[in-house]
N, C-alpha and C. Protein backbone atom coordinates (compact mmCIF):
# COMPACT_ATOMS: atom_id res chain seq x y z
N MET A 1 -46.71 -74.01 63.84
CA MET A 1 -47.15 -72.62 63.90
C MET A 1 -47.56 -72.24 65.32
N SER A 2 -48.30 -73.11 65.97
CA SER A 2 -48.76 -72.85 67.33
C SER A 2 -47.57 -72.65 68.27
N TYR A 3 -46.52 -73.46 68.07
CA TYR A 3 -45.32 -73.34 68.91
C TYR A 3 -44.68 -71.97 68.72
N GLU A 4 -44.56 -71.53 67.48
CA GLU A 4 -43.94 -70.23 67.21
C GLU A 4 -44.74 -69.10 67.86
N ILE A 5 -46.05 -69.22 67.81
CA ILE A 5 -46.90 -68.18 68.39
C ILE A 5 -46.76 -68.17 69.91
N ARG A 6 -46.69 -69.34 70.51
CA ARG A 6 -46.49 -69.41 71.97
C ARG A 6 -45.13 -68.81 72.36
N GLU A 7 -44.12 -69.07 71.55
CA GLU A 7 -42.80 -68.48 71.80
C GLU A 7 -42.87 -66.95 71.68
N LEU A 8 -43.65 -66.47 70.73
CA LEU A 8 -43.82 -65.03 70.56
C LEU A 8 -44.48 -64.42 71.80
N ILE A 9 -45.50 -65.08 72.32
CA ILE A 9 -46.17 -64.58 73.52
C ILE A 9 -45.18 -64.48 74.67
N THR A 10 -44.34 -65.49 74.83
CA THR A 10 -43.31 -65.46 75.88
C THR A 10 -42.35 -64.30 75.64
N LEU A 11 -41.94 -64.11 74.40
CA LEU A 11 -41.04 -63.01 74.06
C LEU A 11 -41.67 -61.66 74.43
N ILE A 12 -42.93 -61.48 74.07
CA ILE A 12 -43.63 -60.23 74.36
C ILE A 12 -43.72 -60.00 75.87
N ARG A 13 -44.11 -61.03 76.59
CA ARG A 13 -44.27 -60.91 78.05
C ARG A 13 -42.96 -60.59 78.75
N ASN A 14 -41.85 -61.07 78.20
CA ASN A 14 -40.55 -60.85 78.84
C ASN A 14 -39.85 -59.58 78.36
N ALA A 15 -40.39 -58.96 77.33
CA ALA A 15 -39.75 -57.75 76.78
C ALA A 15 -40.04 -56.54 77.66
N ASP A 16 -39.07 -55.68 77.72
CA ASP A 16 -39.19 -54.43 78.48
C ASP A 16 -39.50 -53.31 77.50
N PRO A 17 -40.70 -52.71 77.60
CA PRO A 17 -41.06 -51.66 76.64
C PRO A 17 -40.17 -50.42 76.69
N VAL A 18 -39.37 -50.29 77.72
CA VAL A 18 -38.46 -49.15 77.83
C VAL A 18 -37.24 -49.36 76.91
N LYS A 19 -36.90 -50.59 76.64
CA LYS A 19 -35.70 -50.90 75.86
C LYS A 19 -36.03 -50.95 74.37
N GLU A 20 -35.47 -49.99 73.65
CA GLU A 20 -35.74 -49.84 72.22
C GLU A 20 -35.39 -51.08 71.42
N ASP A 21 -34.25 -51.72 71.72
CA ASP A 21 -33.84 -52.90 70.95
C ASP A 21 -34.82 -54.05 71.14
N GLN A 22 -35.37 -54.20 72.33
CA GLN A 22 -36.36 -55.26 72.56
C GLN A 22 -37.65 -54.96 71.81
N PHE A 23 -38.03 -53.69 71.76
CA PHE A 23 -39.23 -53.29 71.02
C PHE A 23 -39.06 -53.61 69.54
N GLN A 24 -37.91 -53.26 68.98
CA GLN A 24 -37.65 -53.54 67.57
C GLN A 24 -37.70 -55.05 67.29
N HIS A 25 -37.12 -55.82 68.19
CA HIS A 25 -37.10 -57.28 68.02
C HIS A 25 -38.52 -57.85 68.07
N VAL A 26 -39.31 -57.41 69.05
CA VAL A 26 -40.69 -57.89 69.17
C VAL A 26 -41.49 -57.53 67.92
N LEU A 27 -41.33 -56.31 67.42
CA LEU A 27 -42.04 -55.91 66.21
C LEU A 27 -41.66 -56.79 65.02
N SER A 28 -40.39 -57.02 64.83
CA SER A 28 -39.93 -57.83 63.69
C SER A 28 -40.42 -59.27 63.79
N VAL A 29 -40.27 -59.87 64.95
CA VAL A 29 -40.71 -61.26 65.12
C VAL A 29 -42.23 -61.36 64.98
N SER A 30 -42.94 -60.40 65.54
CA SER A 30 -44.40 -60.41 65.45
C SER A 30 -44.87 -60.31 64.01
N LYS A 31 -44.22 -59.47 63.24
CA LYS A 31 -44.58 -59.34 61.82
C LYS A 31 -44.46 -60.68 61.12
N ASP A 32 -43.37 -61.40 61.39
CA ASP A 32 -43.16 -62.70 60.74
C ASP A 32 -44.14 -63.75 61.24
N VAL A 33 -44.22 -63.91 62.53
CA VAL A 33 -45.02 -64.99 63.11
C VAL A 33 -46.52 -64.77 62.90
N LEU A 34 -46.97 -63.54 63.09
CA LEU A 34 -48.40 -63.24 62.96
C LEU A 34 -48.79 -62.81 61.55
N GLN A 35 -47.80 -62.75 60.67
CA GLN A 35 -48.02 -62.35 59.28
C GLN A 35 -48.69 -60.98 59.19
N LEU A 36 -48.11 -60.04 59.92
CA LEU A 36 -48.62 -58.67 59.92
C LEU A 36 -47.76 -57.81 59.02
N THR A 37 -48.36 -56.78 58.50
CA THR A 37 -47.62 -55.79 57.71
C THR A 37 -47.51 -54.51 58.52
N ASP A 38 -46.63 -53.63 58.08
CA ASP A 38 -46.56 -52.32 58.71
C ASP A 38 -47.91 -51.61 58.58
N ALA A 39 -48.60 -51.84 57.47
CA ALA A 39 -49.92 -51.23 57.26
C ALA A 39 -50.93 -51.73 58.30
N ASP A 40 -50.88 -53.02 58.65
CA ASP A 40 -51.78 -53.56 59.68
C ASP A 40 -51.58 -52.84 61.01
N LEU A 41 -50.32 -52.71 61.40
CA LEU A 41 -50.02 -52.03 62.67
C LEU A 41 -50.38 -50.55 62.59
N ALA A 42 -50.06 -49.93 61.47
CA ALA A 42 -50.36 -48.51 61.30
C ALA A 42 -51.86 -48.26 61.40
N ARG A 43 -52.64 -49.11 60.78
CA ARG A 43 -54.10 -48.97 60.82
C ARG A 43 -54.62 -49.12 62.24
N GLU A 44 -54.13 -50.10 62.95
CA GLU A 44 -54.60 -50.36 64.32
C GLU A 44 -54.30 -49.19 65.24
N PHE A 45 -53.13 -48.58 65.09
CA PHE A 45 -52.71 -47.52 66.01
C PHE A 45 -52.81 -46.12 65.41
N GLN A 46 -53.45 -46.05 64.25
CA GLN A 46 -53.68 -44.77 63.57
C GLN A 46 -52.38 -43.99 63.37
N LEU A 47 -51.43 -44.69 62.79
CA LEU A 47 -50.12 -44.11 62.47
C LEU A 47 -49.84 -44.38 61.00
N SER A 48 -48.76 -43.82 60.50
CA SER A 48 -48.39 -44.10 59.12
C SER A 48 -47.55 -45.39 59.05
N ARG A 49 -47.58 -46.02 57.88
CA ARG A 49 -46.74 -47.20 57.67
C ARG A 49 -45.27 -46.83 57.83
N THR A 50 -44.94 -45.64 57.40
CA THR A 50 -43.56 -45.17 57.50
C THR A 50 -43.11 -45.11 58.96
N THR A 51 -43.98 -44.62 59.84
CA THR A 51 -43.64 -44.55 61.26
C THR A 51 -43.37 -45.94 61.82
N ILE A 52 -44.24 -46.88 61.51
CA ILE A 52 -44.05 -48.26 62.00
C ILE A 52 -42.73 -48.81 61.47
N GLY A 53 -42.46 -48.63 60.20
CA GLY A 53 -41.21 -49.11 59.61
C GLY A 53 -39.99 -48.50 60.27
N ARG A 54 -40.06 -47.22 60.56
CA ARG A 54 -38.92 -46.55 61.21
C ARG A 54 -38.72 -47.05 62.63
N TRP A 55 -39.81 -47.34 63.33
CA TRP A 55 -39.68 -47.91 64.67
C TRP A 55 -39.03 -49.28 64.59
N ARG A 56 -39.49 -50.09 63.63
CA ARG A 56 -39.00 -51.45 63.51
C ARG A 56 -37.52 -51.49 63.18
N THR A 57 -37.06 -50.55 62.37
CA THR A 57 -35.65 -50.53 61.96
C THR A 57 -34.76 -49.74 62.91
N GLY A 58 -35.37 -49.01 63.85
CA GLY A 58 -34.60 -48.22 64.80
C GLY A 58 -34.25 -46.83 64.29
N GLU A 59 -34.79 -46.47 63.14
CA GLU A 59 -34.53 -45.13 62.60
C GLU A 59 -35.13 -44.05 63.50
N ASN A 60 -36.30 -44.32 64.05
CA ASN A 60 -36.96 -43.46 65.04
C ASN A 60 -37.39 -44.33 66.21
N SER A 61 -37.69 -43.70 67.31
CA SER A 61 -38.19 -44.48 68.44
C SER A 61 -39.55 -43.95 68.89
N SER A 62 -40.28 -44.84 69.53
CA SER A 62 -41.60 -44.48 70.05
C SER A 62 -41.50 -44.30 71.56
N LEU A 63 -42.52 -43.75 72.13
CA LEU A 63 -42.58 -43.61 73.58
C LEU A 63 -42.82 -44.97 74.22
N PRO A 64 -42.22 -45.23 75.38
CA PRO A 64 -42.43 -46.50 76.06
C PRO A 64 -43.91 -46.82 76.32
N ILE A 65 -44.73 -45.82 76.59
CA ILE A 65 -46.15 -46.11 76.83
C ILE A 65 -46.81 -46.64 75.56
N MET A 66 -46.40 -46.13 74.41
CA MET A 66 -46.93 -46.63 73.14
C MET A 66 -46.45 -48.06 72.90
N ARG A 67 -45.21 -48.32 73.23
CA ARG A 67 -44.67 -49.69 73.07
C ARG A 67 -45.47 -50.67 73.92
N LYS A 68 -45.82 -50.23 75.12
CA LYS A 68 -46.61 -51.09 76.02
C LYS A 68 -47.96 -51.43 75.39
N PHE A 69 -48.62 -50.43 74.81
CA PHE A 69 -49.90 -50.68 74.14
C PHE A 69 -49.73 -51.63 72.95
N ILE A 70 -48.65 -51.44 72.22
CA ILE A 70 -48.40 -52.32 71.07
C ILE A 70 -48.13 -53.74 71.53
N PHE A 71 -47.32 -53.90 72.59
CA PHE A 71 -47.07 -55.23 73.13
C PHE A 71 -48.37 -55.91 73.55
N GLU A 72 -49.24 -55.18 74.22
CA GLU A 72 -50.52 -55.74 74.66
C GLU A 72 -51.36 -56.17 73.46
N TRP A 73 -51.41 -55.34 72.43
CA TRP A 73 -52.19 -55.67 71.24
C TRP A 73 -51.61 -56.89 70.54
N LEU A 74 -50.28 -56.95 70.41
CA LEU A 74 -49.63 -58.09 69.76
C LEU A 74 -49.89 -59.38 70.53
N GLU A 75 -49.83 -59.30 71.85
CA GLU A 75 -50.10 -60.50 72.66
C GLU A 75 -51.55 -60.96 72.45
N LYS A 76 -52.46 -60.01 72.39
CA LYS A 76 -53.87 -60.36 72.16
C LYS A 76 -54.03 -61.02 70.78
N GLN A 77 -53.39 -60.47 69.76
CA GLN A 77 -53.48 -61.04 68.42
C GLN A 77 -52.90 -62.46 68.39
N ALA A 78 -51.79 -62.67 69.08
CA ALA A 78 -51.17 -63.99 69.14
C ALA A 78 -52.10 -64.98 69.84
N THR A 79 -52.71 -64.55 70.92
CA THR A 79 -53.63 -65.43 71.66
C THR A 79 -54.84 -65.79 70.80
N LEU A 80 -55.38 -64.83 70.09
CA LEU A 80 -56.51 -65.09 69.20
C LEU A 80 -56.14 -66.06 68.08
N LYS A 81 -54.92 -65.94 67.58
CA LYS A 81 -54.46 -66.83 66.51
C LYS A 81 -54.32 -68.26 67.03
N ILE A 82 -53.80 -68.41 68.25
CA ILE A 82 -53.69 -69.74 68.85
C ILE A 82 -55.07 -70.35 69.03
N GLN A 83 -56.00 -69.57 69.53
CA GLN A 83 -57.36 -70.07 69.73
C GLN A 83 -57.98 -70.51 68.41
N ALA A 84 -57.75 -69.75 67.36
CA ALA A 84 -58.29 -70.11 66.05
C ALA A 84 -57.66 -71.41 65.54
N LEU A 85 -56.35 -71.54 65.74
CA LEU A 85 -55.67 -72.76 65.31
C LEU A 85 -56.16 -73.98 66.08
N GLU A 86 -56.35 -73.82 67.39
CA GLU A 86 -56.84 -74.93 68.21
C GLU A 86 -58.25 -75.34 67.81
N LYS A 87 -59.05 -74.38 67.44
CA LYS A 87 -60.41 -74.66 67.00
C LYS A 87 -60.42 -75.48 65.72
N VAL A 88 -59.51 -75.16 64.81
CA VAL A 88 -59.40 -75.89 63.54
C VAL A 88 -58.90 -77.30 63.78
N GLU A 89 -58.00 -77.47 64.74
CA GLU A 89 -57.43 -78.78 65.04
C GLU A 89 -58.43 -79.74 65.66
N LYS A 90 -59.47 -79.21 66.30
CA LYS A 90 -60.44 -80.06 66.99
C LYS A 90 -61.40 -80.70 66.05
């Protein structure tokens, strides 16, 4: 699990928030690896679950500045999850 999360962090850091396909990929992988729902993301960013789902599937697109904020939040969540896992392992 820790390896997958570290790979996700690398993916997020290398993704370009201007590129819609990279944003969709990061959202999908993040949902799986971090076990997030569209509702979790919607709650955090005060959006509807439908909006998050449409972004993830490419039905609608978000502004690059919003993608940047989402990438930052996802990276923070991944880092916190790694820290929690390392604490349990000790």
